[in-house]
């Protein structure tokens, strides 16, 4: 490195292993994507005031009364998204390979582990629907796929905000494929190329269009 007086100065390097010693323990930690496919576990994408974040959504089934349990400090909008996702699955049970009355005598528990982060906004319906379907059909979801989009009672995927931040979060976490609402496809023109580098972005209009991309093999519907 050149000095103002024309001399030279040796570059200062700090080994990553010494950062904790010099700066203290990191106060904020990003959760990376999981490295294995899991049943009922899906990567969602969320916008936060400080940027995008990978959001794991987990669903499990337990014996009990027929109900939907939601945990993880969810806001009212996300609770409604979960209910809409489940209602769509019930209305299309046969087409989706689910037995009629699949939720009878079973409790469907949806949990978003990042409990310290308040979560709300209309962009998690698609993720919740996929996680529920994965748990109900006992099919693992690809760990290198993330998604964002709201869902309607007809299974349509509605547009979202914060696309740039969400794609950055996916890229940072090593995600390879991101599902976005079809209506957000035009927004990609304003996204810097470096933000999309390494990502395969798949616009979808309906839940049916998303399913071939989230399971290792296309489900037989």
Protein backbone atom coordinates (compact mmCIF):
# COMPACT_ATOMS: atom_id res chain seq x y z
CA UNK A 1 0.00 0.00 0.00
CA UNK A 2 1.37 3.45 -0.90
CA UNK A 3 1.93 6.10 1.79
CA UNK A 4 1.35 9.82 1.37
CA UNK A 5 5.14 10.43 1.60
CA UNK A 6 5.79 8.10 -1.31
CA UNK A 7 7.02 5.21 0.82
CA UNK A 8 5.31 1.87 1.27
CA UNK A 9 3.44 0.31 4.15
CA UNK A 10 2.85 -3.37 4.76
CA UNK A 11 -0.79 -4.42 4.43
CA UNK A 12 -2.41 -5.25 7.74
CA UNK A 13 -4.21 -8.56 7.83
CA UNK A 14 -6.26 -10.07 10.61
CA UNK A 15 -6.93 -13.77 10.73
CA UNK A 16 -10.61 -14.64 11.04
CA UNK A 17 -9.87 -16.82 14.06
CA UNK A 18 -8.66 -13.73 15.94
CA UNK A 19 -11.73 -11.57 15.28
CA UNK A 20 -13.46 -12.75 18.47
CA UNK A 21 -10.35 -11.89 20.49
CA UNK A 22 -10.10 -8.42 18.99
CA UNK A 23 -13.77 -7.44 18.69
CA UNK A 24 -15.52 -9.69 21.15
CA UNK A 25 -18.17 -12.35 20.53
CA UNK A 26 -20.40 -11.52 17.56
CA UNK A 27 -23.74 -10.10 18.68
CA UNK A 28 -25.60 -11.06 15.52
CA UNK A 29 -25.30 -14.37 13.71
CA UNK A 30 -26.85 -15.38 10.40
CA UNK A 31 -28.26 -18.89 10.24
CA UNK A 32 -27.06 -20.64 7.12
CA UNK A 33 -29.17 -23.03 5.15
CA UNK A 34 -29.37 -26.61 6.31
CA UNK A 35 -27.18 -29.10 4.50
CA UNK A 36 -29.70 -31.94 4.27
CA UNK A 37 -33.21 -32.38 2.91
CA UNK A 38 -35.82 -32.64 5.66
CA UNK A 39 -39.50 -33.46 5.85
CA UNK A 40 -41.62 -30.44 6.78
CA UNK A 41 -38.66 -28.01 6.79
CA UNK A 42 -38.56 -25.23 4.19
CA UNK A 43 -36.41 -22.15 3.60
CA UNK A 44 -38.44 -18.96 3.50
CA UNK A 45 -37.13 -15.46 2.85
CA UNK A 46 -37.99 -12.45 4.97
CA UNK A 47 -37.38 -8.71 4.79
CA UNK A 48 -36.09 -6.98 7.91
CA UNK A 49 -35.17 -3.32 8.58
CA UNK A 50 -31.51 -4.28 8.25
CA UNK A 51 -31.80 -6.46 5.14
CA UNK A 52 -33.06 -9.87 4.06
CA UNK A 53 -32.95 -13.03 6.14
CA UNK A 54 -33.30 -16.75 5.56
CA UNK A 55 -36.25 -17.96 7.61
CA UNK A 56 -36.65 -21.67 8.38
CA UNK A 57 -40.26 -22.84 8.61
CA UNK A 58 -40.80 -26.20 10.28
CA UNK A 59 -44.01 -28.25 10.33
CA UNK A 60 -44.69 -31.43 12.25
CA UNK A 61 -47.72 -33.63 12.88
CA UNK A 62 -48.65 -34.97 16.30
CA UNK A 63 -51.65 -36.96 17.56
CA UNK A 64 -54.34 -34.77 19.07
CA UNK A 65 -57.41 -32.76 18.30
CA UNK A 66 -57.75 -31.39 14.78
CA UNK A 67 -56.16 -27.95 14.99
CA UNK A 68 -53.45 -25.68 13.67
CA UNK A 69 -50.83 -24.51 16.17
CA UNK A 70 -48.54 -21.59 15.27
CA UNK A 71 -45.44 -20.60 17.25
CA UNK A 72 -42.40 -18.39 16.74
CA UNK A 73 -43.63 -14.86 17.48
CA UNK A 74 -45.80 -14.63 14.35
CA UNK A 75 -47.88 -11.56 13.54
CA UNK A 76 -51.53 -11.67 12.57
CA UNK A 77 -50.84 -11.54 8.82
CA UNK A 78 -48.57 -14.58 8.95
CA UNK A 79 -51.12 -16.45 11.04
CA UNK A 80 -53.71 -15.76 8.37
CA UNK A 81 -51.25 -16.95 5.71
CA UNK A 82 -50.85 -20.27 7.54
CA UNK A 83 -54.61 -20.71 7.80
CA UNK A 84 -55.08 -19.89 4.11
CA UNK A 85 -52.37 -22.40 3.16
CA UNK A 86 -54.02 -25.16 5.19
CA UNK A 87 -57.47 -24.37 3.81
CA UNK A 88 -56.14 -24.64 0.27
CA UNK A 89 -54.55 -28.01 1.01
CA UNK A 90 -57.84 -29.24 2.45
CA UNK A 91 -59.80 -28.04 -0.58
CA UNK A 92 -57.40 -29.77 -2.99
CA UNK A 93 -56.54 -32.83 -0.90
CA UNK A 94 -57.25 -35.42 -3.57
CA UNK A 95 -55.37 -33.54 -6.32
CA UNK A 96 -52.37 -33.13 -3.99
CA UNK A 97 -52.26 -36.81 -3.08
CA UNK A 98 -53.68 -36.34 0.42
CA UNK A 99 -56.43 -38.51 1.87
CA UNK A 100 -59.72 -36.79 2.59
CA UNK A 101 -59.83 -35.88 6.28
CA UNK A 102 -56.04 -36.01 6.50
CA UNK A 103 -56.00 -33.68 9.50
CA UNK A 104 -58.53 -35.64 11.58
CA UNK A 105 -57.18 -36.53 15.05
CA UNK A 106 -53.90 -34.79 14.25
CA UNK A 107 -52.45 -31.45 15.26
CA UNK A 108 -50.50 -29.56 12.63
CA UNK A 109 -47.77 -27.51 14.32
CA UNK A 110 -46.06 -24.72 12.35
CA UNK A 111 -42.98 -23.21 13.97
CA UNK A 112 -40.48 -20.56 12.87
CA UNK A 113 -37.47 -21.07 15.14
CA UNK A 114 -36.10 -17.51 15.08
CA UNK A 115 -38.32 -16.64 18.04
CA UNK A 116 -36.41 -13.48 18.98
CA UNK A 117 -37.38 -11.86 15.67
CA UNK A 118 -40.96 -10.54 15.35
CA UNK A 119 -42.29 -11.79 12.02
CA UNK A 120 -45.20 -10.50 9.99
CA UNK A 121 -46.10 -9.56 6.45
CA UNK A 122 -47.79 -11.19 3.45
CA UNK A 123 -44.94 -13.25 1.98
CA UNK A 124 -44.81 -16.61 3.76
CA UNK A 125 -47.95 -18.35 2.50
CA UNK A 126 -46.13 -20.31 -0.22
CA UNK A 127 -43.43 -21.46 2.20
CA UNK A 128 -45.98 -22.58 4.78
CA UNK A 129 -48.04 -24.47 2.20
CA UNK A 130 -44.97 -26.35 0.95
CA UNK A 131 -43.86 -27.17 4.51
CA UNK A 132 -47.33 -28.47 5.41
CA UNK A 133 -47.56 -30.56 2.24
CA UNK A 134 -44.09 -31.98 2.86
CA UNK A 135 -45.03 -33.04 6.39
CA UNK A 136 -48.39 -34.46 5.34
CA UNK A 137 -46.90 -36.48 2.47
CA UNK A 138 -43.67 -37.35 4.33
CA UNK A 139 -41.56 -36.00 1.46
CA UNK A 140 -38.28 -34.15 2.13
CA UNK A 141 -37.89 -30.64 0.70
CA UNK A 142 -34.69 -29.58 -1.06
CA UNK A 143 -32.40 -27.73 1.32
CA UNK A 144 -30.88 -25.61 -1.46
CA UNK A 145 -34.21 -24.03 -2.42
CA UNK A 146 -35.80 -20.95 -0.83
CA UNK A 147 -39.08 -19.21 -1.62
CA UNK A 148 -41.23 -16.17 -1.00
CA UNK A 149 -44.81 -15.31 -1.91
CA UNK A 150 -48.29 -15.11 -0.44
CA UNK A 151 -50.94 -17.73 -1.19
CA UNK A 152 -54.66 -17.37 -1.80
CA UNK A 153 -57.46 -19.82 -1.07
CA UNK A 154 -57.17 -20.89 -4.72
CA UNK A 155 -53.45 -21.61 -4.47
CA UNK A 156 -52.42 -18.53 -6.44
CA UNK A 157 -49.12 -16.88 -5.47
CA UNK A 158 -49.28 -13.13 -4.87
CA UNK A 159 -46.42 -10.60 -5.22
CA UNK A 160 -44.17 -9.49 -2.38
CA UNK A 161 -41.89 -6.58 -1.46
CA UNK A 162 -38.22 -6.47 -0.54
CA UNK A 163 -37.14 -8.73 -3.40
CA UNK A 164 -33.60 -7.35 -3.58
CA UNK A 165 -32.97 -7.93 0.13
CA UNK A 166 -34.45 -11.42 0.00
CA UNK A 167 -32.31 -12.46 -2.95
CA UNK A 168 -29.24 -11.17 -1.15
CA UNK A 169 -30.14 -13.29 1.86
CA UNK A 170 -30.54 -16.36 -0.34
CA UNK A 171 -27.21 -15.75 -2.05
CA UNK A 172 -25.47 -15.20 1.28
CA UNK A 173 -26.83 -18.50 2.61
CA UNK A 174 -25.68 -20.53 -0.39
CA UNK A 175 -29.15 -21.13 -1.80
CA UNK A 176 -29.12 -22.16 -5.48
CA UNK A 177 -32.81 -21.84 -6.46
CA UNK A 178 -35.29 -19.16 -5.40
CA UNK A 179 -39.02 -19.29 -6.13
CA UNK A 180 -40.67 -15.88 -6.46
CA UNK A 181 -44.18 -14.78 -7.47
CA UNK A 182 -44.67 -14.44 -11.23
CA UNK A 183 -45.88 -10.88 -10.70
CA UNK A 184 -42.44 -9.97 -9.30
CA UNK A 185 -40.63 -11.12 -12.44
CA UNK A 186 -40.51 -7.59 -13.89
CA UNK A 187 -38.80 -6.39 -10.69
CA UNK A 188 -35.77 -8.49 -11.61
CA UNK A 189 -34.79 -5.84 -14.16
CA UNK A 190 -33.95 -3.51 -11.26
CA UNK A 191 -31.96 -6.11 -9.29
CA UNK A 192 -28.15 -5.81 -9.69
CA UNK A 193 -26.59 -8.72 -11.56
CA UNK A 194 -24.22 -9.40 -8.64
CA UNK A 195 -27.25 -9.94 -6.37
CA UNK A 196 -28.55 -12.70 -8.65
CA UNK A 197 -25.17 -14.30 -9.34
CA UNK A 198 -25.30 -18.03 -8.68
CA UNK A 199 -29.09 -18.06 -8.25
CA UNK A 200 -31.65 -19.79 -10.44
CA UNK A 201 -34.79 -17.68 -10.04
CA UNK A 202 -38.10 -19.39 -10.83
CA UNK A 203 -41.25 -17.24 -11.09
CA UNK A 204 -44.45 -19.13 -10.18
CA UNK A 205 -48.13 -18.23 -10.46
CA UNK A 206 -49.57 -21.13 -8.48
CA UNK A 207 -48.54 -23.66 -5.84
CA UNK A 208 -48.72 -26.42 -8.45
CA UNK A 209 -45.93 -24.72 -10.41
CA UNK A 210 -43.70 -24.62 -7.34
CA UNK A 211 -43.90 -28.30 -6.39
CA UNK A 212 -41.62 -29.71 -9.15
CA UNK A 213 -38.84 -27.42 -7.88
CA UNK A 214 -39.03 -28.17 -4.16
CA UNK A 215 -38.99 -31.97 -4.07
CA UNK A 216 -36.18 -34.11 -5.42
CA UNK A 217 -38.64 -35.81 -7.72
CA UNK A 218 -41.78 -34.27 -9.10
CA UNK A 219 -44.73 -35.42 -6.97
CA UNK A 220 -47.21 -37.71 -8.67
CA UNK A 221 -50.47 -35.77 -8.33
